[in-house]
Amino acid sequence: MRIKQTIQASIAAATLLASAAVAETELTVYTSVEAEDLPRYAETFNAIHPDIKINWVRDSTGVITAKLLAERDNPQADVVWGLAGTSLLLLKTEDMLEPYAPAGVEALDPKFVDGDEVPSWVGMDAWVAAVCFNTVEGERLGLTAPTSWQDLTDPQYANHIIMPNPSSSGTGFLDVSSWMQIFGEEKAWEYMDALHENVARYTHSGSAPCKLAASGEIPIGISFAFRGARSKADGAPIEIIVPSEGVGWEMEATAIIAGTEKLEAAKKLVDFTVSREAMEMYNVSYAVVAIPGIAQPVKHFPEGLLDAMIVNDFEYAANNRAKILSEWSSRYDGKSDAK
């Protein structure tokens, strides 16, 4: 009887050890991916790596970037999975990233890979700027639908536009940095001065302006295309407009934070982020992914969007980020939402 009890106790102990091993590594992962997508990302990853648990720290691009910079001397994150490429370029200049060439990196479009021999970051997908126009509210207010960025400075749109604050939102920053490239710096500031007259407020989220346009709180939200596509799929009366001058875009990218004590698990996560399975997962929301030939059309994406994407100078955006944000804040921050 005692022998049987001993055997049963041994089996129970082995079972507990095995269960503990399944969740033996926890990774702190910083991200600005849409919150509704995070459970799906973790579930897909854990189907392959059940032994690695992801602890998400999620906020808007500017907040996550500032948090990482503030923690430079005492890093709290192991991996960044889904942050603007320009932010990772900035972190790279601060020697905060661990160079790593993930398995399958050769399949990625080169513009989605850091140019060093051993890359410090790799891209996942791209989001593209767009304007969400609520057709019901527009008709009620007697507004014509805009067709260009310049149209948004028309006095008819006074207090009818919401856009993201570029200091806190990656979408806001891609808008501002792309206007710099489309119009030239001097004319871009002139443009934003005129646009500011029509802006009701600046949000700290890139998706919020389109969500607010979809709900009818504001007729026009400067946001990004896949947020508009989701809202339209849910039945919102919005038109997703591709401004005629061209649209900015930004990639979501992934990197390992230098100094992590969980390097092997971090590498497994980054390997997964550039896999075909991950790309198919991203394509649920994004029309552009890092491996060519995988993306299928996303329902309700506007025609001509991909052709309208400008040749984006990410180095310019990253190198001038601090100067641009300082100037923007001094001019326009008075209309920003409280943090």
Protein backbone atom coordinates (compact mmCIF):
# COMPACT_ATOMS: atom_id res chain seq x y z
CA MET A 1 0.00 0.00 0.00
CA ARG A 2 2.82 2.37 0.96
CA ILE A 3 4.64 1.58 -2.30
CA LYS A 4 1.47 2.37 -4.29
CA GLN A 5 1.07 5.69 -2.47
CA THR A 6 4.72 6.52 -3.15
CA ILE A 7 4.27 5.79 -6.86
CA GLN A 8 1.10 7.91 -7.00
CA ALA A 9 2.88 10.76 -5.23
CA SER A 10 5.77 10.53 -7.69
CA ILE A 11 3.39 10.64 -10.65
CA ALA A 12 1.61 13.65 -9.19
CA ALA A 13 4.90 15.44 -8.61
CA ALA A 14 6.03 14.69 -12.17
CA THR A 15 2.72 16.02 -13.51
CA LEU A 16 3.14 19.25 -11.55
CA LEU A 17 6.69 19.65 -12.84
CA ALA A 18 5.55 19.07 -16.41
CA SER A 19 2.76 21.63 -16.00
CA ALA A 20 5.23 24.15 -14.63
CA ALA A 21 7.57 23.51 -17.54
CA VAL A 22 4.83 24.37 -20.04
CA ALA A 23 4.81 27.94 -18.71
CA GLU A 24 8.43 28.13 -17.66
CA THR A 25 9.32 31.33 -19.58
CA GLU A 26 7.44 34.61 -19.47
CA LEU A 27 8.28 37.40 -21.91
CA THR A 28 7.36 41.00 -21.30
CA VAL A 29 6.35 42.27 -24.73
CA TYR A 30 5.79 45.97 -25.44
CA THR A 31 3.42 46.72 -28.30
CA SER A 32 1.23 49.33 -29.97
CA VAL A 33 -0.78 46.71 -31.91
CA GLU A 34 -4.54 47.25 -31.70
CA ALA A 35 -5.70 45.80 -28.36
CA GLU A 36 -8.38 43.66 -29.99
CA ASP A 37 -5.71 41.80 -31.99
CA LEU A 38 -3.45 40.85 -29.09
CA PRO A 39 -5.32 37.73 -27.89
CA ARG A 40 -5.24 36.35 -31.45
CA TYR A 41 -1.51 37.03 -31.76
CA ALA A 42 -0.72 35.30 -28.47
CA GLU A 43 -3.00 32.34 -29.20
CA THR A 44 -1.42 31.74 -32.62
CA PHE A 45 2.09 31.94 -31.16
CA ASN A 46 1.25 29.68 -28.21
CA ALA A 47 -0.11 27.00 -30.52
CA ILE A 48 3.53 26.55 -31.57
CA HIS A 49 5.29 27.57 -28.35
CA PRO A 50 3.06 26.71 -25.36
CA ASP A 51 6.10 26.99 -23.08
CA ILE A 52 6.43 30.78 -23.56
CA LYS A 53 3.89 33.11 -21.99
CA ILE A 54 3.47 36.63 -23.31
CA ASN A 55 2.81 39.43 -20.85
CA TRP A 56 1.63 42.37 -22.96
CA VAL A 57 2.32 46.02 -22.19
CA ARG A 58 0.19 47.89 -24.70
CA ASP A 59 -0.16 51.62 -25.41
CA SER A 60 0.01 54.04 -28.32
CA THR A 61 3.24 54.33 -30.31
CA GLY A 62 4.48 57.55 -28.74
CA VAL A 63 3.82 56.34 -25.20
CA ILE A 64 5.57 52.98 -25.76
CA THR A 65 8.53 54.71 -27.45
CA ALA A 66 8.88 57.18 -24.57
CA LYS A 67 8.57 54.36 -22.03
CA LEU A 68 11.34 52.36 -23.69
CA LEU A 69 13.63 55.39 -23.82
CA ALA A 70 12.94 56.18 -20.17
CA GLU A 71 13.84 52.60 -19.24
CA ARG A 72 17.04 52.56 -21.25
CA ASP A 73 19.29 52.04 -18.22
CA ASN A 74 16.93 49.54 -16.62
CA PRO A 75 15.04 47.74 -19.41
CA GLN A 76 11.74 46.14 -18.45
CA ALA A 77 10.78 44.71 -21.85
CA ASP A 78 12.23 41.60 -23.45
CA VAL A 79 10.75 42.10 -26.91
CA VAL A 80 8.94 44.78 -28.88
CA TRP A 81 6.35 43.13 -31.14
CA GLY A 82 4.50 45.70 -33.21
CA LEU A 83 5.94 49.21 -32.91
CA ALA A 84 6.50 51.81 -35.63
CA GLY A 85 9.63 51.22 -37.66
CA THR A 86 10.71 54.83 -37.09
CA SER A 87 10.58 54.22 -33.34
CA LEU A 88 12.80 51.16 -33.68
CA LEU A 89 15.24 53.15 -35.82
CA LEU A 90 15.42 55.63 -32.96
CA LEU A 91 15.97 52.86 -30.38
CA LYS A 92 18.69 51.40 -32.57
CA THR A 93 20.62 54.68 -32.54
CA GLU A 94 20.50 54.49 -28.74
CA ASP A 95 22.03 50.95 -28.82
CA MET A 96 18.93 49.53 -27.19
CA LEU A 97 18.30 46.65 -29.62
CA GLU A 98 19.86 43.18 -29.76
CA PRO A 99 20.90 42.34 -33.36
CA TYR A 100 19.34 39.08 -34.52
CA ALA A 101 18.63 37.57 -37.94
CA PRO A 102 15.48 35.48 -37.44
CA ALA A 103 14.87 32.25 -39.27
CA GLY A 104 13.23 33.04 -42.63
CA VAL A 105 14.38 36.67 -42.76
CA GLU A 106 15.56 36.16 -46.35
CA ALA A 107 11.91 35.82 -47.45
CA LEU A 108 11.02 39.35 -46.35
CA ASP A 109 10.80 42.31 -48.68
CA PRO A 110 14.13 44.16 -48.08
CA LYS A 111 12.38 47.39 -47.09
CA PHE A 112 11.01 45.51 -44.08
CA VAL A 113 14.48 44.57 -42.80
CA ASP A 114 17.12 46.66 -41.05
CA GLY A 115 20.01 47.18 -43.47
CA ASP A 116 22.81 45.94 -41.21
CA GLU A 117 24.41 42.55 -41.90
CA VAL A 118 22.74 41.28 -38.73
CA PRO A 119 19.48 43.23 -38.50
CA SER A 120 18.42 44.94 -35.29
CA TRP A 121 14.75 44.93 -36.30
CA VAL A 122 12.44 43.25 -38.80
CA GLY A 123 9.12 44.46 -40.19
CA MET A 124 5.77 42.69 -40.03
CA ASP A 125 3.21 44.69 -41.94
CA ALA A 126 2.34 48.25 -42.92
CA TRP A 127 -0.51 50.56 -42.09
CA VAL A 128 -1.54 53.32 -44.46
CA ALA A 129 -3.02 56.75 -43.78
CA ALA A 130 -6.56 57.50 -44.90
CA VAL A 131 -9.47 59.80 -44.11
CA CYS A 132 -12.74 58.44 -42.68
CA PHE A 133 -15.78 60.48 -43.74
CA ASN A 134 -19.18 59.86 -42.17
CA THR A 135 -21.60 60.20 -45.07
CA VAL A 136 -24.70 60.56 -42.86
CA GLU A 137 -23.19 63.32 -40.74
CA GLY A 138 -21.67 64.93 -43.81
CA GLU A 139 -25.05 65.13 -45.50
CA ARG A 140 -26.72 66.44 -42.34
CA LEU A 141 -24.14 69.21 -42.07
CA GLY A 142 -24.08 69.98 -45.77
CA LEU A 143 -20.44 68.95 -46.21
CA THR A 144 -18.93 67.70 -49.43
CA ALA A 145 -16.59 64.74 -49.13
CA PRO A 146 -12.92 65.80 -49.34
CA THR A 147 -10.72 64.26 -52.01
CA SER A 148 -7.31 65.64 -50.99
CA TRP A 149 -5.30 66.74 -47.98
CA GLN A 150 -5.61 70.35 -49.15
CA ASP A 151 -9.39 70.03 -49.19
CA LEU A 152 -9.32 69.57 -45.41
CA THR A 153 -8.28 73.23 -44.99
CA ASP A 154 -11.60 74.40 -46.54
CA PRO A 155 -13.56 76.54 -44.02
CA GLN A 156 -16.61 74.28 -44.46
CA TYR A 157 -14.84 71.71 -42.28
CA ALA A 158 -14.24 74.04 -39.31
CA ASN A 159 -14.46 72.01 -36.06
CA HIS A 160 -15.45 68.92 -38.06
CA ILE A 161 -12.04 67.16 -38.13
CA ILE A 162 -10.26 65.04 -35.55
CA MET A 163 -6.71 63.78 -36.05
CA PRO A 164 -4.12 62.03 -33.85
CA ASN A 165 -1.46 63.86 -31.87
CA PRO A 166 1.90 62.85 -33.44
CA SER A 167 3.67 62.92 -30.07
CA SER A 168 1.60 60.02 -28.78
CA SER A 169 0.30 58.36 -31.94
CA GLY A 170 2.35 56.64 -34.62
CA THR A 171 -0.43 57.39 -37.09
CA GLY A 172 -0.26 61.08 -36.21
CA PHE A 173 3.49 61.10 -36.70
CA LEU A 174 3.33 59.32 -40.06
CA ASP A 175 0.79 61.93 -41.18
CA VAL A 176 3.02 64.85 -40.18
CA SER A 177 6.28 63.33 -41.47
CA SER A 178 4.62 62.37 -44.76
CA TRP A 179 3.25 65.90 -45.23
CA MET A 180 6.83 67.11 -44.78
CA GLN A 181 7.86 64.86 -47.64
CA ILE A 182 4.84 65.58 -49.85
CA PHE A 183 4.79 69.38 -49.49
CA GLY A 184 8.31 70.21 -48.26
CA GLU A 185 8.91 71.37 -44.68
CA GLU A 186 7.97 75.04 -45.02
CA LYS A 187 4.75 74.40 -46.93
CA ALA A 188 3.91 71.49 -44.64
CA TRP A 189 3.88 73.82 -41.62
CA GLU A 190 1.75 76.27 -43.59
CA TYR A 191 -0.61 73.41 -44.41
CA MET A 192 -0.84 72.29 -40.78
CA ASP A 193 -1.48 75.87 -39.65
CA ALA A 194 -4.50 75.97 -41.96
CA LEU A 195 -5.62 72.43 -41.03
CA HIS A 196 -5.38 73.33 -37.32
CA GLU A 197 -8.11 75.94 -37.82
CA ASN A 198 -10.52 73.13 -38.75
CA VAL A 199 -9.40 70.53 -36.18
CA ALA A 200 -11.76 70.12 -33.23
CA ARG A 201 -9.24 68.16 -31.19
CA TYR A 202 -6.22 65.89 -31.34
CA THR A 203 -6.52 62.41 -29.86
CA HIS A 204 -3.75 60.26 -28.38
CA SER A 205 -4.79 57.24 -30.46
CA GLY A 206 -4.42 56.69 -34.18
CA SER A 207 -7.58 54.61 -34.45
CA ALA A 208 -9.77 56.95 -32.37
CA PRO A 209 -10.48 59.54 -35.11
CA CYS A 210 -11.93 56.92 -37.43
CA LYS A 211 -13.86 55.27 -34.60
CA LEU A 212 -15.32 58.66 -33.69
CA ALA A 213 -16.23 59.33 -37.32
CA ALA A 214 -17.83 55.89 -37.53
CA SER A 215 -19.96 56.59 -34.45
CA GLY A 216 -21.06 59.99 -35.81
CA GLU A 217 -19.34 62.05 -33.11
CA ILE A 218 -17.35 63.87 -35.82
CA PRO A 219 -17.81 63.79 -39.61
CA ILE A 220 -14.10 63.49 -40.51
CA GLY A 221 -11.37 61.47 -38.84
CA ILE A 222 -7.77 61.37 -40.07
CA SER A 223 -6.75 57.82 -39.29
CA PHE A 224 -5.56 54.71 -41.11
CA ALA A 225 -7.21 52.51 -43.69
CA PHE A 226 -7.66 49.20 -41.88
CA ARG A 227 -9.40 50.92 -38.96
CA GLY A 228 -11.81 52.39 -41.48
CA ALA A 229 -12.27 49.01 -43.15
CA ARG A 230 -13.15 47.40 -39.82
CA SER A 231 -15.65 50.11 -38.97
CA LYS A 232 -17.24 49.87 -42.41
CA ALA A 233 -17.45 46.08 -42.10
CA ASP A 234 -19.33 46.63 -38.83
CA GLY A 235 -21.90 48.72 -40.69
CA ALA A 236 -20.65 52.26 -40.05
CA PRO A 237 -21.76 54.79 -42.72
CA ILE A 238 -18.26 55.90 -43.64
CA GLU A 239 -16.33 56.44 -46.82
CA ILE A 240 -12.60 55.72 -46.69
CA ILE A 241 -10.88 58.46 -48.69
CA VAL A 242 -7.42 58.25 -50.24
CA PRO A 243 -6.13 61.84 -50.58
CA SER A 244 -4.98 62.60 -54.10
CA GLU A 245 -1.52 63.94 -53.10
CA GLY A 246 -0.55 60.50 -51.79
CA VAL A 247 -0.59 58.89 -48.36
CA GLY A 248 2.01 58.20 -45.73
CA TRP A 249 2.54 54.76 -44.34
CA GLU A 250 4.48 53.11 -41.58
CA MET A 251 5.53 49.58 -40.85
CA GLU A 252 4.99 47.68 -37.65
CA ALA A 253 8.23 46.03 -36.65
CA THR A 254 9.74 43.73 -34.06
CA ALA A 255 13.00 43.71 -32.12
CA ILE A 256 14.70 42.16 -29.11
CA ILE A 257 15.61 44.57 -26.32
CA ALA A 258 19.34 44.45 -25.58
CA GLY A 259 20.19 42.90 -22.23
CA THR A 260 17.17 40.61 -21.91
CA GLU A 261 17.84 37.62 -19.70
CA LYS A 262 15.44 35.55 -21.80
CA LEU A 263 17.26 35.74 -25.11
CA GLU A 264 16.47 32.25 -26.38
CA ALA A 265 12.73 32.64 -25.81
CA ALA A 266 12.88 36.13 -27.34
CA LYS A 267 14.53 34.68 -30.46
CA LYS A 268 11.76 32.09 -30.79
CA LEU A 269 9.17 34.84 -30.65
CA VAL A 270 10.95 36.94 -33.28
CA ASP A 271 11.33 33.85 -35.51
CA PHE A 272 7.58 33.43 -35.32
CA THR A 273 6.83 37.09 -36.08
CA VAL A 274 8.33 36.77 -39.58
CA SER A 275 6.89 33.32 -40.36
CA ARG A 276 4.35 32.68 -43.07
CA GLU A 277 1.77 31.78 -40.44
CA ALA A 278 2.29 35.13 -38.72
CA MET A 279 2.00 37.01 -42.03
CA GLU A 280 -1.32 35.32 -42.74
CA MET A 281 -2.44 36.36 -39.27
CA TYR A 282 -1.44 40.00 -39.90
CA ASN A 283 -3.27 39.96 -43.22
CA VAL A 284 -6.59 39.70 -41.40
CA SER A 285 -6.21 43.42 -40.73
CA TYR A 286 -3.39 44.62 -42.97
CA ALA A 287 -3.32 44.68 -46.76
CA VAL A 288 0.49 44.93 -46.81
CA VAL A 289 2.66 42.31 -45.09
CA ALA A 290 6.41 41.80 -45.12
CA ILE A 291 6.56 38.59 -47.18
CA PRO A 292 5.61 39.39 -50.80
CA GLY A 293 2.81 37.39 -52.39
CA ILE A 294 1.03 36.40 -49.18
CA ALA A 295 -1.42 39.26 -48.65
CA GLN A 296 -4.98 38.74 -49.81
CA PRO A 297 -7.32 41.71 -50.37
CA VAL A 298 -8.84 43.12 -47.18
CA LYS A 299 -12.57 43.75 -47.42
CA HIS A 300 -13.55 47.43 -47.71
CA PHE A 301 -10.02 48.67 -48.38
CA PRO A 302 -10.38 51.61 -50.81
CA GLU A 303 -9.24 51.21 -54.40
CA GLY A 304 -5.91 52.79 -55.26
CA LEU A 305 -4.66 52.86 -51.68
CA LEU A 306 -1.48 50.86 -52.27
CA ASP A 307 -0.64 52.85 -55.40
CA ALA A 308 -1.02 56.08 -53.41
CA MET A 309 1.62 55.11 -50.82
CA ILE A 310 4.48 57.60 -50.99
CA VAL A 311 8.16 56.61 -51.14
CA ASN A 312 8.60 57.06 -47.40
CA ASP A 313 11.99 58.18 -46.10
CA PHE A 314 12.05 56.42 -42.73
CA GLU A 315 15.55 57.67 -41.94
CA TYR A 316 14.37 61.26 -42.39
CA ALA A 317 11.36 60.63 -40.16
CA ALA A 318 13.42 58.99 -37.42
CA ASN A 319 16.30 61.49 -37.51
CA ASN A 320 13.98 64.51 -37.40
CA ARG A 321 11.39 63.09 -35.01
CA ALA A 322 12.35 65.14 -31.95
CA LYS A 323 12.55 68.42 -33.88
CA ILE A 324 9.24 67.84 -35.67
CA LEU A 325 7.39 66.90 -32.48
CA SER A 326 8.77 69.86 -30.55
CA GLU A 327 7.63 72.29 -33.24
CA TRP A 328 4.25 70.59 -33.62
CA SER A 329 3.59 70.72 -29.87
CA SER A 330 4.51 74.40 -29.64
CA ARG A 331 2.02 75.24 -32.40
CA TYR A 332 -0.95 72.93 -31.90
CA ASP A 333 -0.90 71.06 -28.59
CA GLY A 334 -3.53 73.35 -27.09
CA LYS A 335 -6.25 71.33 -28.81
CA SER A 336 -4.96 67.95 -27.65
CA ASP A 337 -7.03 65.69 -25.41
CA ALA A 338 -5.91 65.51 -21.79
CA LYS A 339 -3.58 62.56 -21.16
